[in-house]
Amino acid sequence: MLNGLRKNFYTNEELLSCGRGELFGPGNAQLPLPPMLMFDRIVHIDDKGGHYGKGEIVAELDIDPSLWFFHCHFQGDPVMPGCLGLDAMWQLIGFFLAWNGGIGRGRALGGSEIQFSGQVPPDKKLVTYRIDIRRMVQRGLTMGIGNGTMLVDGQEIYSGAGLRVGLFTEI
């Protein structure tokens, strides 16, 4: 891990380092690089907190009208695609698994309940993601299961329950 330390927050440069495979070591979980990296910083991560006491992650994305998706989704009616917010939640669970010592490459495995009740237009300022880890499985593979919410300017607009991410060593 970065300098051998497990921190409780990560800057944008550190997240980019993770995207280049430098944070958790070769062959281990990486975040996507921009433009698919869907948050600018992790403001809090720990393995004891959250609703279930098994871990939590809070990350933020600064909204800028020049973000790539506003130019193509949709012309004349720009909004952030809902699937990108959902992907951010999976990205965060994968990061949590590697941060917690899991080995392998991260892959989203699904979710049981996804709800969208709002949208992110370009005039908003801040998206906040919150993940509560429900369960960690460490047998043949490492898997994390969590519930997530996405807020825009403090209002919850997306939620996902039973979000699953696995770390695989044989892919």
N, C-alpha and C. Protein backbone atom coordinates (compact mmCIF):
# COMPACT_ATOMS: atom_id res chain seq x y z
N MET A 1 0.83 -1.18 0.00
CA MET A 1 0.00 0.00 0.00
C MET A 1 0.88 1.23 0.00
N LEU A 2 0.26 2.35 -0.26
CA LEU A 2 0.99 3.61 -0.34
C LEU A 2 1.78 3.84 0.95
N ASN A 3 3.09 3.88 0.85
CA ASN A 3 3.98 4.09 1.99
C ASN A 3 3.73 3.10 3.13
N GLY A 4 3.11 1.95 2.83
CA GLY A 4 2.84 0.97 3.86
C GLY A 4 1.76 1.37 4.85
N LEU A 5 1.06 2.46 4.61
CA LEU A 5 0.07 2.97 5.55
C LEU A 5 -1.34 2.75 5.03
N ARG A 6 -2.22 2.41 5.92
CA ARG A 6 -3.64 2.34 5.60
C ARG A 6 -4.27 3.61 6.16
N LYS A 7 -4.58 4.53 5.29
CA LYS A 7 -5.10 5.84 5.70
C LYS A 7 -6.62 5.80 5.82
N ASN A 8 -7.19 6.86 6.37
CA ASN A 8 -8.65 6.94 6.44
C ASN A 8 -9.24 7.97 5.48
N PHE A 9 -8.42 8.49 4.56
CA PHE A 9 -8.88 9.37 3.49
C PHE A 9 -7.86 9.29 2.36
N TYR A 10 -8.30 9.63 1.14
CA TYR A 10 -7.40 9.58 -0.03
C TYR A 10 -7.67 10.77 -0.93
N THR A 11 -6.59 11.40 -1.37
CA THR A 11 -6.67 12.54 -2.28
C THR A 11 -6.87 12.06 -3.72
N ASN A 12 -7.15 13.00 -4.59
CA ASN A 12 -7.31 12.66 -5.99
C ASN A 12 -6.04 12.05 -6.56
N GLU A 13 -4.89 12.60 -6.22
CA GLU A 13 -3.63 12.05 -6.74
C GLU A 13 -3.42 10.62 -6.27
N GLU A 14 -3.79 10.32 -5.05
CA GLU A 14 -3.67 8.94 -4.55
C GLU A 14 -4.65 8.01 -5.26
N LEU A 15 -5.84 8.50 -5.58
CA LEU A 15 -6.80 7.68 -6.33
C LEU A 15 -6.29 7.42 -7.74
N LEU A 16 -5.65 8.41 -8.35
CA LEU A 16 -5.05 8.20 -9.68
C LEU A 16 -3.91 7.19 -9.59
N SER A 17 -3.15 7.22 -8.51
CA SER A 17 -2.10 6.23 -8.28
C SER A 17 -2.71 4.82 -8.21
N CYS A 18 -3.86 4.71 -7.58
CA CYS A 18 -4.57 3.42 -7.52
C CYS A 18 -4.98 2.99 -8.93
N GLY A 19 -5.43 3.93 -9.74
CA GLY A 19 -5.81 3.63 -11.12
C GLY A 19 -4.65 3.15 -11.97
N ARG A 20 -3.44 3.58 -11.62
CA ARG A 20 -2.23 3.14 -12.34
C ARG A 20 -1.66 1.85 -11.76
N GLY A 21 -2.31 1.29 -10.75
CA GLY A 21 -1.85 0.04 -10.15
C GLY A 21 -0.74 0.21 -9.14
N GLU A 22 -0.52 1.42 -8.65
CA GLU A 22 0.59 1.69 -7.75
C GLU A 22 0.22 1.64 -6.26
N LEU A 23 -1.05 1.76 -5.93
CA LEU A 23 -1.43 1.89 -4.53
C LEU A 23 -1.43 0.55 -3.80
N PHE A 24 -2.02 -0.47 -4.39
CA PHE A 24 -2.14 -1.78 -3.74
C PHE A 24 -1.21 -2.83 -4.34
N GLY A 25 -0.38 -2.44 -5.29
CA GLY A 25 0.60 -3.35 -5.86
C GLY A 25 0.12 -4.02 -7.13
N PRO A 26 1.06 -4.55 -7.92
CA PRO A 26 0.74 -5.17 -9.21
C PRO A 26 -0.24 -6.34 -9.06
N GLY A 27 -1.20 -6.41 -9.97
CA GLY A 27 -2.16 -7.51 -9.98
C GLY A 27 -3.29 -7.37 -8.99
N ASN A 28 -3.31 -6.30 -8.23
CA ASN A 28 -4.37 -6.10 -7.24
C ASN A 28 -5.33 -5.02 -7.71
N ALA A 29 -6.35 -4.79 -6.92
CA ALA A 29 -7.45 -3.90 -7.31
C ALA A 29 -6.94 -2.53 -7.74
N GLN A 30 -7.52 -2.07 -8.83
CA GLN A 30 -7.25 -0.74 -9.35
C GLN A 30 -8.57 -0.03 -9.54
N LEU A 31 -8.57 1.27 -9.32
CA LEU A 31 -9.71 2.08 -9.73
C LEU A 31 -9.56 2.39 -11.21
N PRO A 32 -10.66 2.67 -11.90
CA PRO A 32 -10.51 3.14 -13.28
C PRO A 32 -9.90 4.54 -13.27
N LEU A 33 -9.26 4.88 -14.35
CA LEU A 33 -8.74 6.23 -14.51
C LEU A 33 -9.83 7.12 -15.11
N PRO A 34 -9.67 8.45 -15.01
CA PRO A 34 -10.63 9.34 -15.66
C PRO A 34 -10.69 9.04 -17.16
N PRO A 35 -11.84 9.16 -17.77
CA PRO A 35 -13.04 9.77 -17.21
C PRO A 35 -13.94 8.81 -16.43
N MET A 36 -13.58 7.52 -16.31
CA MET A 36 -14.47 6.58 -15.64
C MET A 36 -14.33 6.56 -14.12
N LEU A 37 -13.30 7.17 -13.57
CA LEU A 37 -13.21 7.33 -12.13
C LEU A 37 -14.30 8.32 -11.72
N MET A 38 -15.23 7.88 -10.88
CA MET A 38 -16.43 8.67 -10.64
C MET A 38 -16.44 9.41 -9.30
N PHE A 39 -15.28 9.61 -8.70
CA PHE A 39 -15.19 10.45 -7.50
C PHE A 39 -13.81 11.09 -7.48
N ASP A 40 -13.72 12.24 -6.83
CA ASP A 40 -12.49 13.01 -6.78
C ASP A 40 -11.64 12.73 -5.55
N ARG A 41 -12.27 12.25 -4.50
CA ARG A 41 -11.54 11.99 -3.26
C ARG A 41 -12.37 11.08 -2.37
N ILE A 42 -11.70 10.35 -1.52
CA ILE A 42 -12.35 9.58 -0.46
C ILE A 42 -12.12 10.38 0.81
N VAL A 43 -13.20 10.88 1.39
CA VAL A 43 -13.07 11.74 2.57
C VAL A 43 -13.07 10.94 3.87
N HIS A 44 -13.54 9.69 3.81
CA HIS A 44 -13.52 8.85 5.01
C HIS A 44 -13.63 7.38 4.61
N ILE A 45 -12.80 6.55 5.22
CA ILE A 45 -12.90 5.10 5.06
C ILE A 45 -12.43 4.47 6.36
N ASP A 46 -13.22 3.53 6.88
CA ASP A 46 -12.78 2.77 8.04
C ASP A 46 -13.45 1.41 8.04
N ASP A 47 -12.88 0.48 8.80
CA ASP A 47 -13.37 -0.90 8.78
C ASP A 47 -14.24 -1.25 9.99
N LYS A 48 -14.59 -0.28 10.80
CA LYS A 48 -15.42 -0.54 11.98
C LYS A 48 -16.74 0.23 11.95
N GLY A 49 -16.83 1.28 11.19
CA GLY A 49 -18.00 2.16 11.22
C GLY A 49 -19.11 1.70 10.30
N GLY A 50 -19.99 2.62 10.00
CA GLY A 50 -21.11 2.33 9.13
C GLY A 50 -22.29 1.74 9.89
N HIS A 51 -23.38 1.59 9.20
CA HIS A 51 -24.63 1.12 9.78
C HIS A 51 -24.50 -0.27 10.41
N TYR A 52 -23.64 -1.12 9.84
CA TYR A 52 -23.50 -2.50 10.30
C TYR A 52 -22.25 -2.72 11.15
N GLY A 53 -21.45 -1.67 11.35
CA GLY A 53 -20.23 -1.79 12.13
C GLY A 53 -19.13 -2.58 11.46
N LYS A 54 -19.24 -2.77 10.13
CA LYS A 54 -18.26 -3.58 9.39
C LYS A 54 -17.46 -2.76 8.39
N GLY A 55 -17.71 -1.46 8.35
CA GLY A 55 -16.95 -0.59 7.47
C GLY A 55 -17.83 0.41 6.76
N GLU A 56 -17.21 1.53 6.43
CA GLU A 56 -17.91 2.56 5.68
C GLU A 56 -16.92 3.34 4.83
N ILE A 57 -17.46 3.91 3.76
CA ILE A 57 -16.66 4.73 2.84
C ILE A 57 -17.52 5.92 2.46
N VAL A 58 -16.92 7.11 2.45
CA VAL A 58 -17.59 8.32 1.98
C VAL A 58 -16.66 8.96 0.97
N ALA A 59 -17.19 9.25 -0.21
CA ALA A 59 -16.38 9.86 -1.28
C ALA A 59 -17.18 10.99 -1.91
N GLU A 60 -16.47 11.87 -2.61
CA GLU A 60 -17.11 13.04 -3.22
C GLU A 60 -16.66 13.23 -4.66
N LEU A 61 -17.58 13.77 -5.44
CA LEU A 61 -17.31 14.18 -6.83
C LEU A 61 -17.75 15.63 -6.96
N ASP A 62 -16.84 16.50 -7.37
CA ASP A 62 -17.19 17.89 -7.66
C ASP A 62 -17.87 17.94 -9.02
N ILE A 63 -19.05 18.55 -9.07
CA ILE A 63 -19.77 18.67 -10.33
C ILE A 63 -19.29 19.91 -11.06
N ASP A 64 -18.93 19.72 -12.31
CA ASP A 64 -18.47 20.78 -13.19
C ASP A 64 -19.23 20.62 -14.50
N PRO A 65 -19.84 21.68 -15.01
CA PRO A 65 -20.60 21.55 -16.26
C PRO A 65 -19.79 21.03 -17.44
N SER A 66 -18.45 21.05 -17.33
CA SER A 66 -17.62 20.55 -18.44
C SER A 66 -17.36 19.05 -18.35
N LEU A 67 -17.89 18.36 -17.33
CA LEU A 67 -17.70 16.90 -17.25
C LEU A 67 -18.20 16.24 -18.53
N TRP A 68 -17.48 15.22 -18.98
CA TRP A 68 -17.67 14.62 -20.30
C TRP A 68 -19.09 14.15 -20.56
N PHE A 69 -19.76 13.59 -19.58
CA PHE A 69 -21.08 12.99 -19.82
C PHE A 69 -22.17 14.03 -20.05
N PHE A 70 -21.97 15.26 -19.57
CA PHE A 70 -22.99 16.29 -19.79
C PHE A 70 -23.10 16.68 -21.27
N HIS A 71 -22.04 16.43 -22.04
CA HIS A 71 -22.05 16.81 -23.47
C HIS A 71 -22.75 15.78 -24.35
N CYS A 72 -23.00 14.59 -23.82
CA CYS A 72 -23.60 13.55 -24.66
C CYS A 72 -24.83 12.89 -24.05
N HIS A 73 -25.15 13.20 -22.81
CA HIS A 73 -26.27 12.55 -22.12
C HIS A 73 -27.09 13.61 -21.40
N PHE A 74 -27.98 14.22 -21.94
CA PHE A 74 -28.51 14.19 -23.31
C PHE A 74 -28.31 15.58 -23.90
N GLN A 75 -28.19 15.67 -25.20
CA GLN A 75 -28.03 16.97 -25.83
C GLN A 75 -29.29 17.80 -25.57
N GLY A 76 -29.10 18.98 -25.02
CA GLY A 76 -30.22 19.86 -24.68
C GLY A 76 -30.88 19.54 -23.35
N ASP A 77 -30.53 18.43 -22.72
CA ASP A 77 -31.10 18.01 -21.43
C ASP A 77 -30.02 17.25 -20.65
N PRO A 78 -28.90 17.91 -20.29
CA PRO A 78 -27.76 17.20 -19.72
C PRO A 78 -28.00 16.72 -18.29
N VAL A 79 -27.74 15.43 -18.07
CA VAL A 79 -27.77 14.83 -16.73
C VAL A 79 -26.68 13.75 -16.66
N MET A 80 -26.19 13.53 -15.46
CA MET A 80 -25.23 12.45 -15.24
C MET A 80 -25.97 11.12 -15.40
N PRO A 81 -25.46 10.19 -16.20
CA PRO A 81 -26.11 8.89 -16.33
C PRO A 81 -26.17 8.16 -14.99
N GLY A 82 -27.33 7.60 -14.68
CA GLY A 82 -27.51 6.88 -13.42
C GLY A 82 -26.53 5.74 -13.26
N CYS A 83 -26.18 5.09 -14.36
CA CYS A 83 -25.27 3.94 -14.27
C CYS A 83 -23.89 4.36 -13.77
N LEU A 84 -23.50 5.62 -13.98
CA LEU A 84 -22.19 6.07 -13.50
C LEU A 84 -22.17 6.22 -11.98
N GLY A 85 -23.28 6.68 -11.41
CA GLY A 85 -23.37 6.74 -9.96
C GLY A 85 -23.34 5.36 -9.34
N LEU A 86 -24.04 4.43 -9.96
CA LEU A 86 -24.04 3.05 -9.49
C LEU A 86 -22.63 2.46 -9.60
N ASP A 87 -21.96 2.72 -10.72
CA ASP A 87 -20.59 2.21 -10.88
C ASP A 87 -19.66 2.79 -9.82
N ALA A 88 -19.86 4.05 -9.45
CA ALA A 88 -19.03 4.65 -8.40
C ALA A 88 -19.15 3.87 -7.10
N MET A 89 -20.37 3.42 -6.79
CA MET A 89 -20.56 2.64 -5.56
C MET A 89 -19.79 1.33 -5.64
N TRP A 90 -19.83 0.66 -6.80
CA TRP A 90 -19.04 -0.57 -6.97
C TRP A 90 -17.55 -0.27 -6.87
N GLN A 91 -17.10 0.84 -7.48
CA GLN A 91 -15.69 1.22 -7.40
C GLN A 91 -15.26 1.37 -5.95
N LEU A 92 -16.11 1.98 -5.14
CA LEU A 92 -15.76 2.20 -3.74
C LEU A 92 -15.71 0.91 -2.93
N ILE A 93 -16.61 -0.01 -3.21
CA ILE A 93 -16.56 -1.30 -2.50
C ILE A 93 -15.29 -2.06 -2.88
N GLY A 94 -14.93 -2.03 -4.17
CA GLY A 94 -13.68 -2.66 -4.59
C GLY A 94 -12.47 -2.04 -3.93
N PHE A 95 -12.46 -0.71 -3.83
CA PHE A 95 -11.37 -0.02 -3.14
C PHE A 95 -11.31 -0.47 -1.68
N PHE A 96 -12.47 -0.55 -1.04
CA PHE A 96 -12.52 -0.97 0.37
C PHE A 96 -11.91 -2.36 0.55
N LEU A 97 -12.24 -3.28 -0.36
CA LEU A 97 -11.71 -4.64 -0.26
C LEU A 97 -10.18 -4.65 -0.32
N ALA A 98 -9.62 -3.91 -1.27
CA ALA A 98 -8.16 -3.86 -1.40
C ALA A 98 -7.54 -3.13 -0.20
N TRP A 99 -8.15 -2.04 0.21
CA TRP A 99 -7.68 -1.28 1.38
C TRP A 99 -7.68 -2.16 2.63
N ASN A 100 -8.61 -3.09 2.68
CA ASN A 100 -8.74 -3.99 3.82
C ASN A 100 -7.83 -5.22 3.70
N GLY A 101 -6.96 -5.24 2.68
CA GLY A 101 -5.98 -6.31 2.53
C GLY A 101 -6.33 -7.39 1.53
N GLY A 102 -7.48 -7.26 0.85
CA GLY A 102 -7.87 -8.25 -0.15
C GLY A 102 -6.92 -8.25 -1.34
N ILE A 103 -6.74 -9.43 -1.93
CA ILE A 103 -5.83 -9.61 -3.06
C ILE A 103 -6.65 -9.94 -4.31
N GLY A 104 -6.26 -9.35 -5.44
CA GLY A 104 -6.90 -9.68 -6.71
C GLY A 104 -7.47 -8.45 -7.40
N ARG A 105 -8.01 -8.72 -8.57
CA ARG A 105 -8.59 -7.66 -9.40
C ARG A 105 -10.09 -7.57 -9.14
N GLY A 106 -10.57 -6.35 -8.96
CA GLY A 106 -11.97 -6.14 -8.60
C GLY A 106 -12.92 -6.22 -9.78
N ARG A 107 -14.08 -6.84 -9.54
CA ARG A 107 -15.16 -6.90 -10.53
C ARG A 107 -16.50 -6.76 -9.81
N ALA A 108 -17.37 -5.94 -10.39
CA ALA A 108 -18.73 -5.80 -9.87
C ALA A 108 -19.48 -7.11 -10.12
N LEU A 109 -20.25 -7.53 -9.13
CA LEU A 109 -20.98 -8.80 -9.22
C LEU A 109 -22.49 -8.61 -9.16
N GLY A 110 -22.97 -7.40 -8.98
CA GLY A 110 -24.41 -7.17 -9.00
C GLY A 110 -24.90 -6.39 -7.80
N GLY A 111 -26.21 -6.37 -7.69
CA GLY A 111 -26.89 -5.69 -6.61
C GLY A 111 -28.33 -6.15 -6.59
N SER A 112 -28.99 -6.03 -5.46
CA SER A 112 -30.35 -6.55 -5.38
C SER A 112 -31.43 -5.49 -5.50
N GLU A 113 -31.20 -4.28 -5.06
CA GLU A 113 -32.20 -3.23 -5.15
C GLU A 113 -31.53 -1.92 -5.54
N ILE A 114 -31.89 -1.41 -6.69
CA ILE A 114 -31.34 -0.15 -7.18
C ILE A 114 -32.51 0.81 -7.37
N GLN A 115 -32.38 2.03 -6.82
CA GLN A 115 -33.45 3.01 -6.98
C GLN A 115 -32.85 4.36 -7.34
N PHE A 116 -33.46 5.01 -8.32
CA PHE A 116 -33.10 6.37 -8.70
C PHE A 116 -34.31 7.25 -8.41
N SER A 117 -34.12 8.29 -7.61
CA SER A 117 -35.23 9.17 -7.28
C SER A 117 -34.92 10.63 -7.60
N GLY A 118 -33.84 10.87 -8.31
CA GLY A 118 -33.45 12.21 -8.69
C GLY A 118 -32.37 12.14 -9.75
N GLN A 119 -31.80 13.29 -10.08
CA GLN A 119 -30.79 13.34 -11.13
C GLN A 119 -29.73 14.38 -10.78
N VAL A 120 -28.64 14.34 -11.55
CA VAL A 120 -27.53 15.28 -11.36
C VAL A 120 -27.39 16.12 -12.63
N PRO A 121 -28.01 17.30 -12.67
CA PRO A 121 -27.79 18.21 -13.79
C PRO A 121 -26.51 19.03 -13.55
N PRO A 122 -26.02 19.72 -14.57
CA PRO A 122 -24.73 20.41 -14.45
C PRO A 122 -24.73 21.62 -13.51
N ASP A 123 -25.88 22.07 -13.04
CA ASP A 123 -25.90 23.22 -12.13
C ASP A 123 -25.71 22.81 -10.66
N LYS A 124 -25.63 21.52 -10.38
CA LYS A 124 -25.39 21.05 -9.01
C LYS A 124 -23.90 21.20 -8.70
N LYS A 125 -23.55 21.07 -7.43
CA LYS A 125 -22.17 21.32 -7.01
C LYS A 125 -21.41 20.09 -6.53
N LEU A 126 -22.08 19.20 -5.77
CA LEU A 126 -21.33 18.13 -5.12
C LEU A 126 -22.15 16.85 -5.05
N VAL A 127 -21.53 15.75 -5.47
CA VAL A 127 -22.11 14.42 -5.28
C VAL A 127 -21.34 13.77 -4.13
N THR A 128 -22.08 13.16 -3.22
CA THR A 128 -21.49 12.44 -2.09
C THR A 128 -21.98 10.99 -2.15
N TYR A 129 -21.05 10.07 -2.09
CA TYR A 129 -21.36 8.64 -2.05
C TYR A 129 -21.11 8.13 -0.64
N ARG A 130 -22.03 7.33 -0.13
CA ARG A 130 -21.86 6.70 1.19
C ARG A 130 -22.11 5.20 1.04
N ILE A 131 -21.15 4.42 1.49
CA ILE A 131 -21.26 2.96 1.43
C ILE A 131 -21.17 2.41 2.85
N ASP A 132 -22.12 1.57 3.21
CA ASP A 132 -22.08 0.82 4.46
C ASP A 132 -21.81 -0.64 4.10
N ILE A 133 -20.69 -1.17 4.56
CA ILE A 133 -20.35 -2.57 4.29
C ILE A 133 -21.23 -3.46 5.18
N ARG A 134 -21.94 -4.38 4.54
CA ARG A 134 -22.80 -5.32 5.28
C ARG A 134 -22.08 -6.61 5.62
N ARG A 135 -21.24 -7.04 4.69
CA ARG A 135 -20.61 -8.36 4.87
C ARG A 135 -19.33 -8.44 4.06
N MET A 136 -18.35 -9.15 4.61
CA MET A 136 -17.12 -9.47 3.90
C MET A 136 -17.00 -10.98 3.88
N VAL A 137 -16.70 -11.53 2.70
CA VAL A 137 -16.50 -12.96 2.53
C VAL A 137 -15.05 -13.15 2.08
N GLN A 138 -14.31 -14.01 2.76
CA GLN A 138 -12.93 -14.28 2.37
C GLN A 138 -12.70 -15.78 2.37
N ARG A 139 -13.19 -16.40 1.31
CA ARG A 139 -12.95 -17.83 1.10
C ARG A 139 -12.22 -17.94 -0.23
N GLY A 140 -12.68 -18.71 -1.18
CA GLY A 140 -12.01 -18.85 -2.47
C GLY A 140 -11.79 -17.50 -3.15
N LEU A 141 -12.68 -16.57 -2.91
CA LEU A 141 -12.51 -15.22 -3.41
C LEU A 141 -12.83 -14.27 -2.28
N THR A 142 -12.40 -13.04 -2.43
CA THR A 142 -12.76 -12.00 -1.48
C THR A 142 -13.94 -11.25 -2.07
N MET A 143 -15.00 -11.12 -1.29
CA MET A 143 -16.19 -10.41 -1.77
C MET A 143 -16.69 -9.48 -0.68
N GLY A 144 -17.12 -8.29 -1.11
CA GLY A 144 -17.74 -7.34 -0.21
C GLY A 144 -19.17 -7.09 -0.65
N ILE A 145 -20.05 -6.97 0.33
CA ILE A 145 -21.45 -6.67 0.07
C ILE A 145 -21.79 -5.42 0.87
N GLY A 146 -22.38 -4.44 0.21
CA GLY A 146 -22.69 -3.20 0.90
C GLY A 146 -23.95 -2.55 0.39
N ASN A 147 -24.41 -1.60 1.15
CA ASN A 147 -25.51 -0.74 0.74
C ASN A 147 -24.94 0.64 0.49
N GLY A 148 -25.41 1.30 -0.55
CA GLY A 148 -24.88 2.60 -0.88
C GLY A 148 -25.96 3.62 -1.15
N THR A 149 -25.61 4.88 -0.92
CA THR A 149 -26.48 5.99 -1.30
C THR A 149 -25.64 7.02 -2.02
N MET A 150 -26.30 7.76 -2.89
CA MET A 150 -25.67 8.87 -3.59
C MET A 150 -26.51 10.10 -3.33
N LEU A 151 -25.85 11.16 -2.88
CA LEU A 151 -26.52 12.42 -2.61
C LEU A 151 -25.99 13.48 -3.56
N VAL A 152 -26.84 14.39 -3.96
CA VAL A 152 -26.40 15.55 -4.72
C VAL A 152 -26.78 16.79 -3.91
N ASP A 153 -25.79 17.60 -3.62
CA ASP A 153 -25.98 18.78 -2.78
C ASP A 153 -26.77 18.46 -1.52
N GLY A 154 -26.46 17.30 -0.91
CA GLY A 154 -27.04 16.90 0.36
C GLY A 154 -28.35 16.15 0.29
N GLN A 155 -28.93 15.98 -0.90
CA GLN A 155 -30.21 15.27 -1.04
C GLN A 155 -29.97 13.89 -1.65
N GLU A 156 -30.48 12.85 -0.98
CA GLU A 156 -30.31 11.49 -1.50
C GLU A 156 -31.13 11.31 -2.77
N ILE A 157 -30.45 10.81 -3.83
CA ILE A 157 -31.15 10.60 -5.10
C ILE A 157 -30.99 9.19 -5.66
N TYR A 158 -29.99 8.43 -5.23
CA TYR A 158 -29.81 7.04 -5.67
C TYR A 158 -29.57 6.20 -4.43
N SER A 159 -30.00 4.94 -4.51
CA SER A 159 -29.62 3.99 -3.46
C SER A 159 -29.45 2.62 -4.09
N GLY A 160 -28.60 1.84 -3.48
CA GLY A 160 -28.37 0.47 -3.93
C GLY A 160 -28.18 -0.42 -2.72
N ALA A 161 -28.89 -1.53 -2.70
CA ALA A 161 -28.75 -2.50 -1.61
C ALA A 161 -28.14 -3.78 -2.16
N GLY A 162 -27.41 -4.48 -1.32
CA GLY A 162 -26.81 -5.74 -1.74
C GLY A 162 -25.82 -5.60 -2.87
N LEU A 163 -25.11 -4.46 -2.93
CA LEU A 163 -24.11 -4.25 -3.97
C LEU A 163 -22.92 -5.16 -3.69
N ARG A 164 -22.53 -5.94 -4.69
CA ARG A 164 -21.49 -6.95 -4.50
C ARG A 164 -20.30 -6.70 -5.44
N VAL A 165 -19.11 -6.82 -4.88
CA VAL A 165 -17.87 -6.73 -5.63
C VAL A 165 -16.96 -7.86 -5.16
N GLY A 166 -16.29 -8.51 -6.12
CA GLY A 166 -15.35 -9.57 -5.80
C GLY A 166 -13.95 -9.22 -6.26
N LEU A 167 -12.95 -9.78 -5.60
CA LEU A 167 -11.56 -9.69 -6.03
C LEU A 167 -11.14 -11.06 -6.53
N PHE A 168 -10.60 -11.09 -7.74
CA PHE A 168 -10.26 -12.35 -8.40
C PHE A 168 -8.77 -12.38 -8.71
N THR A 169 -8.12 -13.50 -8.41
CA THR A 169 -6.70 -13.65 -8.71
C THR A 169 -6.48 -14.39 -10.02
N GLU A 170 -7.49 -15.02 -10.57
CA GLU A 170 -7.35 -15.85 -11.77
C GLU A 170 -8.07 -15.25 -12.98
N ILE A 171 -7.93 -13.97 -13.22
CA ILE A 171 -8.55 -13.39 -14.43
C ILE A 171 -7.52 -12.65 -15.24
